[in-house]
Amino acid sequence: MADVPKTPTDKPLIDQPGAVSGIKDPAGKPMIHVKVYSPYQNYFDDNAYSISGLNNTGPFDVLPRHHNFITLLNPCVLEVHVTNAIKRIRISRGVMHVKADQVIVFLDV
């Protein structure tokens, strides 16, 4: 596999078609970048192994290399799986956008 082009900050260019983020933990396990925020608070902004939520279809998980998608979130407890812990965030509603190993959750919309 060819090397992924780098930005000046040495991060992979993940918005280009076919690019892979390459985020990994020290042991080489793939990760995703997760940001969960509202207009008034930042709840989480870091790398994680997965995130779990609930939409009208039911419970779901997002793992590294997940297909791109966007969904409306139902009231639930988001679970962000990080090294040796699970960060839980109770939400009333939100929007989740998944693209190229980046997950953005915007709450209180």
N, C-alpha and C. Protein backbone atom coordinates (compact mmCIF):
# COMPACT_ATOMS: atom_id res chain seq x y z
N MET A 1 0.85 -1.18 0.00
CA MET A 1 0.00 0.00 0.00
C MET A 1 0.89 1.24 0.00
N ALA A 2 0.55 2.19 -0.83
CA ALA A 2 1.34 3.41 -0.94
C ALA A 2 1.19 4.25 0.32
N ASP A 3 2.21 5.07 0.58
CA ASP A 3 2.14 5.96 1.73
C ASP A 3 1.05 6.99 1.51
N VAL A 4 0.35 7.33 2.60
CA VAL A 4 -0.69 8.34 2.54
C VAL A 4 -0.01 9.70 2.60
N PRO A 5 -0.38 10.65 1.71
CA PRO A 5 0.24 11.97 1.74
C PRO A 5 0.05 12.62 3.10
N LYS A 6 1.03 13.41 3.51
CA LYS A 6 0.99 14.05 4.81
C LYS A 6 0.76 15.54 4.66
N THR A 7 0.13 16.14 5.69
CA THR A 7 -0.04 17.58 5.74
C THR A 7 1.19 18.15 6.43
N PRO A 8 1.33 19.47 6.46
CA PRO A 8 2.48 20.06 7.16
C PRO A 8 2.55 19.66 8.63
N THR A 9 1.41 19.29 9.25
CA THR A 9 1.42 18.88 10.65
C THR A 9 1.69 17.39 10.78
N ASP A 10 2.01 16.74 9.65
CA ASP A 10 2.36 15.32 9.63
C ASP A 10 1.16 14.42 9.89
N LYS A 11 -0.06 14.92 9.65
CA LYS A 11 -1.27 14.11 9.78
C LYS A 11 -1.69 13.66 8.38
N PRO A 12 -2.26 12.46 8.25
CA PRO A 12 -2.70 12.01 6.94
C PRO A 12 -3.82 12.89 6.38
N LEU A 13 -3.87 13.01 5.08
CA LEU A 13 -4.97 13.72 4.43
C LEU A 13 -6.13 12.75 4.30
N ILE A 14 -7.16 12.90 5.14
CA ILE A 14 -8.22 11.91 5.17
C ILE A 14 -9.44 12.32 4.37
N ASP A 15 -9.47 13.53 3.82
CA ASP A 15 -10.63 13.95 3.06
C ASP A 15 -10.53 13.57 1.58
N GLN A 16 -9.43 12.96 1.18
CA GLN A 16 -9.28 12.56 -0.20
C GLN A 16 -9.83 11.16 -0.40
N PRO A 17 -10.47 10.91 -1.56
CA PRO A 17 -11.04 9.58 -1.80
C PRO A 17 -9.99 8.48 -1.67
N GLY A 18 -10.36 7.42 -0.97
CA GLY A 18 -9.48 6.28 -0.82
C GLY A 18 -8.42 6.43 0.27
N ALA A 19 -8.34 7.60 0.90
CA ALA A 19 -7.34 7.80 1.94
C ALA A 19 -7.81 7.14 3.23
N VAL A 20 -6.87 6.67 4.03
CA VAL A 20 -7.16 6.04 5.31
C VAL A 20 -6.43 6.83 6.37
N SER A 21 -7.09 7.07 7.50
CA SER A 21 -6.51 7.94 8.51
C SER A 21 -5.25 7.36 9.11
N GLY A 22 -5.21 6.07 9.31
CA GLY A 22 -4.02 5.47 9.89
C GLY A 22 -3.85 5.73 11.37
N ILE A 23 -4.89 6.17 12.08
CA ILE A 23 -4.79 6.38 13.51
C ILE A 23 -4.69 5.02 14.18
N LYS A 24 -3.65 4.86 15.00
CA LYS A 24 -3.45 3.59 15.71
C LYS A 24 -2.97 3.89 17.13
N ASP A 25 -3.26 2.95 18.03
CA ASP A 25 -2.73 3.08 19.38
C ASP A 25 -1.28 2.58 19.38
N PRO A 26 -0.56 2.69 20.50
CA PRO A 26 0.84 2.25 20.52
C PRO A 26 1.04 0.78 20.15
N ALA A 27 0.02 -0.05 20.34
CA ALA A 27 0.13 -1.47 19.99
C ALA A 27 -0.24 -1.73 18.53
N GLY A 28 -0.62 -0.67 17.80
CA GLY A 28 -0.97 -0.82 16.40
C GLY A 28 -2.43 -1.09 16.12
N LYS A 29 -3.28 -1.07 17.16
CA LYS A 29 -4.72 -1.30 16.97
C LYS A 29 -5.35 -0.05 16.37
N PRO A 30 -6.17 -0.20 15.30
CA PRO A 30 -6.77 0.97 14.66
C PRO A 30 -7.74 1.72 15.56
N MET A 31 -7.80 3.04 15.37
CA MET A 31 -8.67 3.90 16.17
C MET A 31 -9.38 4.88 15.25
N ILE A 32 -10.37 5.58 15.81
CA ILE A 32 -11.08 6.64 15.13
C ILE A 32 -10.93 7.91 15.96
N HIS A 33 -11.11 9.06 15.32
CA HIS A 33 -11.13 10.30 16.10
C HIS A 33 -12.59 10.67 16.34
N VAL A 34 -12.94 10.93 17.59
CA VAL A 34 -14.31 11.22 17.99
C VAL A 34 -14.37 12.60 18.62
N LYS A 35 -15.32 13.40 18.14
CA LYS A 35 -15.58 14.70 18.76
C LYS A 35 -17.07 14.78 19.06
N VAL A 36 -17.40 15.02 20.33
CA VAL A 36 -18.79 15.15 20.77
C VAL A 36 -18.91 16.53 21.43
N TYR A 37 -19.77 17.37 20.86
CA TYR A 37 -19.89 18.71 21.41
C TYR A 37 -21.27 19.29 21.16
N SER A 38 -21.58 20.35 21.90
CA SER A 38 -22.82 21.10 21.74
C SER A 38 -22.42 22.57 21.56
N PRO A 39 -23.40 23.45 21.36
CA PRO A 39 -23.02 24.86 21.21
C PRO A 39 -22.31 25.44 22.43
N TYR A 40 -22.49 24.83 23.59
CA TYR A 40 -21.95 25.42 24.82
C TYR A 40 -20.91 24.57 25.53
N GLN A 41 -20.67 23.34 25.06
CA GLN A 41 -19.75 22.46 25.78
C GLN A 41 -19.11 21.45 24.85
N ASN A 42 -17.83 21.15 25.11
CA ASN A 42 -17.11 20.11 24.41
C ASN A 42 -17.05 18.90 25.36
N TYR A 43 -17.71 17.79 24.98
CA TYR A 43 -17.78 16.63 25.86
C TYR A 43 -16.64 15.65 25.65
N PHE A 44 -16.17 15.53 24.41
CA PHE A 44 -15.09 14.57 24.12
C PHE A 44 -14.44 14.98 22.80
N ASP A 45 -13.12 14.94 22.75
CA ASP A 45 -12.38 15.25 21.53
C ASP A 45 -11.04 14.52 21.59
N ASP A 46 -11.04 13.25 21.15
CA ASP A 46 -9.83 12.43 21.24
C ASP A 46 -10.00 11.18 20.39
N ASN A 47 -8.97 10.36 20.35
CA ASN A 47 -9.04 9.09 19.64
C ASN A 47 -9.74 8.05 20.50
N ALA A 48 -10.43 7.12 19.83
CA ALA A 48 -11.16 6.06 20.53
C ALA A 48 -11.18 4.82 19.66
N TYR A 49 -11.51 3.69 20.27
CA TYR A 49 -11.62 2.43 19.53
C TYR A 49 -12.97 2.30 18.85
N SER A 50 -14.02 2.86 19.47
CA SER A 50 -15.36 2.80 18.89
C SER A 50 -16.27 3.76 19.63
N ILE A 51 -17.45 3.98 19.03
CA ILE A 51 -18.49 4.76 19.69
C ILE A 51 -19.81 4.03 19.44
N SER A 52 -20.66 3.99 20.44
CA SER A 52 -21.95 3.31 20.35
C SER A 52 -23.06 4.31 20.63
N GLY A 53 -24.15 4.19 19.87
CA GLY A 53 -25.28 5.09 20.05
C GLY A 53 -26.59 4.42 19.68
N LEU A 54 -27.64 5.24 19.56
CA LEU A 54 -28.98 4.74 19.26
C LEU A 54 -29.65 5.68 18.27
N ASN A 55 -30.22 5.10 17.19
CA ASN A 55 -31.02 5.88 16.25
C ASN A 55 -32.36 5.18 16.06
N ASN A 56 -33.17 5.62 15.11
CA ASN A 56 -34.50 5.02 14.92
C ASN A 56 -34.44 3.55 14.52
N THR A 57 -33.33 3.12 13.95
CA THR A 57 -33.17 1.71 13.56
C THR A 57 -32.83 0.84 14.76
N GLY A 58 -32.20 1.42 15.77
CA GLY A 58 -31.79 0.69 16.96
C GLY A 58 -30.37 1.04 17.36
N PRO A 59 -29.79 0.25 18.27
CA PRO A 59 -28.42 0.51 18.71
C PRO A 59 -27.43 0.20 17.58
N PHE A 60 -26.32 0.95 17.57
CA PHE A 60 -25.30 0.72 16.56
C PHE A 60 -23.93 1.09 17.11
N ASP A 61 -22.90 0.58 16.45
CA ASP A 61 -21.51 0.87 16.80
C ASP A 61 -20.80 1.42 15.57
N VAL A 62 -19.84 2.30 15.79
CA VAL A 62 -18.97 2.79 14.73
C VAL A 62 -17.55 2.38 15.11
N LEU A 63 -16.92 1.65 14.21
CA LEU A 63 -15.55 1.15 14.41
C LEU A 63 -14.66 1.76 13.34
N PRO A 64 -13.33 1.62 13.47
CA PRO A 64 -12.44 2.10 12.42
C PRO A 64 -12.82 1.52 11.05
N ARG A 65 -12.68 2.33 10.01
CA ARG A 65 -12.98 1.99 8.62
C ARG A 65 -14.48 1.81 8.36
N HIS A 66 -15.32 2.38 9.22
CA HIS A 66 -16.76 2.34 9.04
C HIS A 66 -17.13 3.10 7.77
N HIS A 67 -18.19 2.68 7.10
CA HIS A 67 -18.69 3.42 5.94
C HIS A 67 -19.13 4.82 6.35
N ASN A 68 -19.03 5.75 5.44
CA ASN A 68 -19.48 7.11 5.70
C ASN A 68 -21.00 7.12 5.87
N PHE A 69 -21.48 7.87 6.85
CA PHE A 69 -22.92 8.03 7.01
C PHE A 69 -23.23 9.16 7.96
N ILE A 70 -24.50 9.55 7.97
CA ILE A 70 -24.98 10.57 8.89
C ILE A 70 -26.30 10.06 9.46
N THR A 71 -26.55 10.32 10.75
CA THR A 71 -27.77 9.84 11.38
C THR A 71 -28.22 10.80 12.47
N LEU A 72 -29.52 10.80 12.71
CA LEU A 72 -30.08 11.51 13.86
C LEU A 72 -30.05 10.56 15.04
N LEU A 73 -29.59 11.04 16.17
CA LEU A 73 -29.48 10.21 17.37
C LEU A 73 -30.71 10.40 18.24
N ASN A 74 -31.18 9.30 18.82
CA ASN A 74 -32.28 9.31 19.78
C ASN A 74 -31.71 9.49 21.18
N PRO A 75 -32.56 9.82 22.16
CA PRO A 75 -32.08 9.91 23.54
C PRO A 75 -31.43 8.58 23.95
N CYS A 76 -30.21 8.67 24.47
CA CYS A 76 -29.46 7.47 24.86
C CYS A 76 -28.22 7.89 25.64
N VAL A 77 -27.43 6.91 25.96
CA VAL A 77 -26.10 7.16 26.53
C VAL A 77 -25.09 6.76 25.47
N LEU A 78 -24.38 7.75 24.91
CA LEU A 78 -23.30 7.44 23.98
C LEU A 78 -22.17 6.79 24.76
N GLU A 79 -21.58 5.75 24.20
CA GLU A 79 -20.44 5.11 24.84
C GLU A 79 -19.24 5.22 23.90
N VAL A 80 -18.21 5.91 24.38
CA VAL A 80 -16.98 6.08 23.63
C VAL A 80 -15.94 5.18 24.29
N HIS A 81 -15.47 4.18 23.54
CA HIS A 81 -14.53 3.21 24.07
C HIS A 81 -13.10 3.70 23.85
N VAL A 82 -12.42 4.00 24.95
CA VAL A 82 -11.03 4.46 24.91
C VAL A 82 -10.16 3.43 25.63
N THR A 83 -8.88 3.67 25.68
CA THR A 83 -7.97 2.73 26.31
C THR A 83 -8.37 2.50 27.77
N ASN A 84 -8.69 1.26 28.11
CA ASN A 84 -9.01 0.83 29.47
C ASN A 84 -10.19 1.57 30.11
N ALA A 85 -11.10 2.13 29.31
CA ALA A 85 -12.23 2.85 29.90
C ALA A 85 -13.34 3.02 28.86
N ILE A 86 -14.51 3.38 29.36
CA ILE A 86 -15.63 3.75 28.50
C ILE A 86 -16.14 5.09 28.99
N LYS A 87 -16.11 6.08 28.12
CA LYS A 87 -16.63 7.41 28.45
C LYS A 87 -18.10 7.41 28.08
N ARG A 88 -18.98 7.69 29.03
CA ARG A 88 -20.42 7.68 28.80
C ARG A 88 -20.95 9.11 28.82
N ILE A 89 -21.76 9.43 27.80
CA ILE A 89 -22.31 10.78 27.66
C ILE A 89 -23.82 10.63 27.41
N ARG A 90 -24.63 11.08 28.37
CA ARG A 90 -26.08 11.01 28.23
C ARG A 90 -26.53 12.15 27.30
N ILE A 91 -27.32 11.79 26.28
CA ILE A 91 -27.77 12.79 25.32
C ILE A 91 -29.29 12.75 25.19
N SER A 92 -29.88 13.88 24.79
CA SER A 92 -31.31 13.91 24.53
C SER A 92 -31.58 13.82 23.03
N ARG A 93 -30.69 14.34 22.22
CA ARG A 93 -30.77 14.22 20.76
C ARG A 93 -29.47 14.75 20.16
N GLY A 94 -29.24 14.40 18.90
CA GLY A 94 -28.04 14.88 18.25
C GLY A 94 -27.94 14.38 16.82
N VAL A 95 -26.88 14.79 16.15
CA VAL A 95 -26.58 14.38 14.79
C VAL A 95 -25.17 13.80 14.80
N MET A 96 -25.01 12.63 14.18
CA MET A 96 -23.69 12.00 14.08
C MET A 96 -23.29 11.94 12.60
N HIS A 97 -22.06 12.36 12.33
CA HIS A 97 -21.51 12.30 10.98
C HIS A 97 -20.23 11.46 11.04
N VAL A 98 -20.16 10.44 10.20
CA VAL A 98 -18.99 9.55 10.15
C VAL A 98 -18.39 9.66 8.76
N LYS A 99 -17.08 9.96 8.72
CA LYS A 99 -16.38 10.04 7.44
C LYS A 99 -14.89 9.83 7.68
N ALA A 100 -14.33 8.87 6.97
CA ALA A 100 -12.88 8.64 6.96
C ALA A 100 -12.28 8.55 8.36
N ASP A 101 -12.83 7.68 9.20
CA ASP A 101 -12.34 7.45 10.56
C ASP A 101 -12.43 8.68 11.45
N GLN A 102 -13.34 9.59 11.13
CA GLN A 102 -13.64 10.71 12.01
C GLN A 102 -15.13 10.68 12.31
N VAL A 103 -15.47 10.81 13.58
CA VAL A 103 -16.87 10.83 14.00
C VAL A 103 -17.12 12.16 14.69
N ILE A 104 -18.10 12.90 14.19
CA ILE A 104 -18.48 14.16 14.80
C ILE A 104 -19.92 14.03 15.26
N VAL A 105 -20.15 14.32 16.55
CA VAL A 105 -21.49 14.28 17.13
C VAL A 105 -21.82 15.67 17.62
N PHE A 106 -22.85 16.26 17.05
CA PHE A 106 -23.29 17.60 17.46
C PHE A 106 -24.60 17.44 18.23
N LEU A 107 -24.59 17.86 19.48
CA LEU A 107 -25.72 17.66 20.38
C LEU A 107 -26.60 18.90 20.51
N ASP A 108 -27.80 18.67 21.02
CA ASP A 108 -28.75 19.74 21.32
C ASP A 108 -29.14 20.54 20.11
N VAL A 109 -29.45 19.83 19.02
CA VAL A 109 -29.89 20.50 17.79
C VAL A 109 -31.35 20.19 17.53
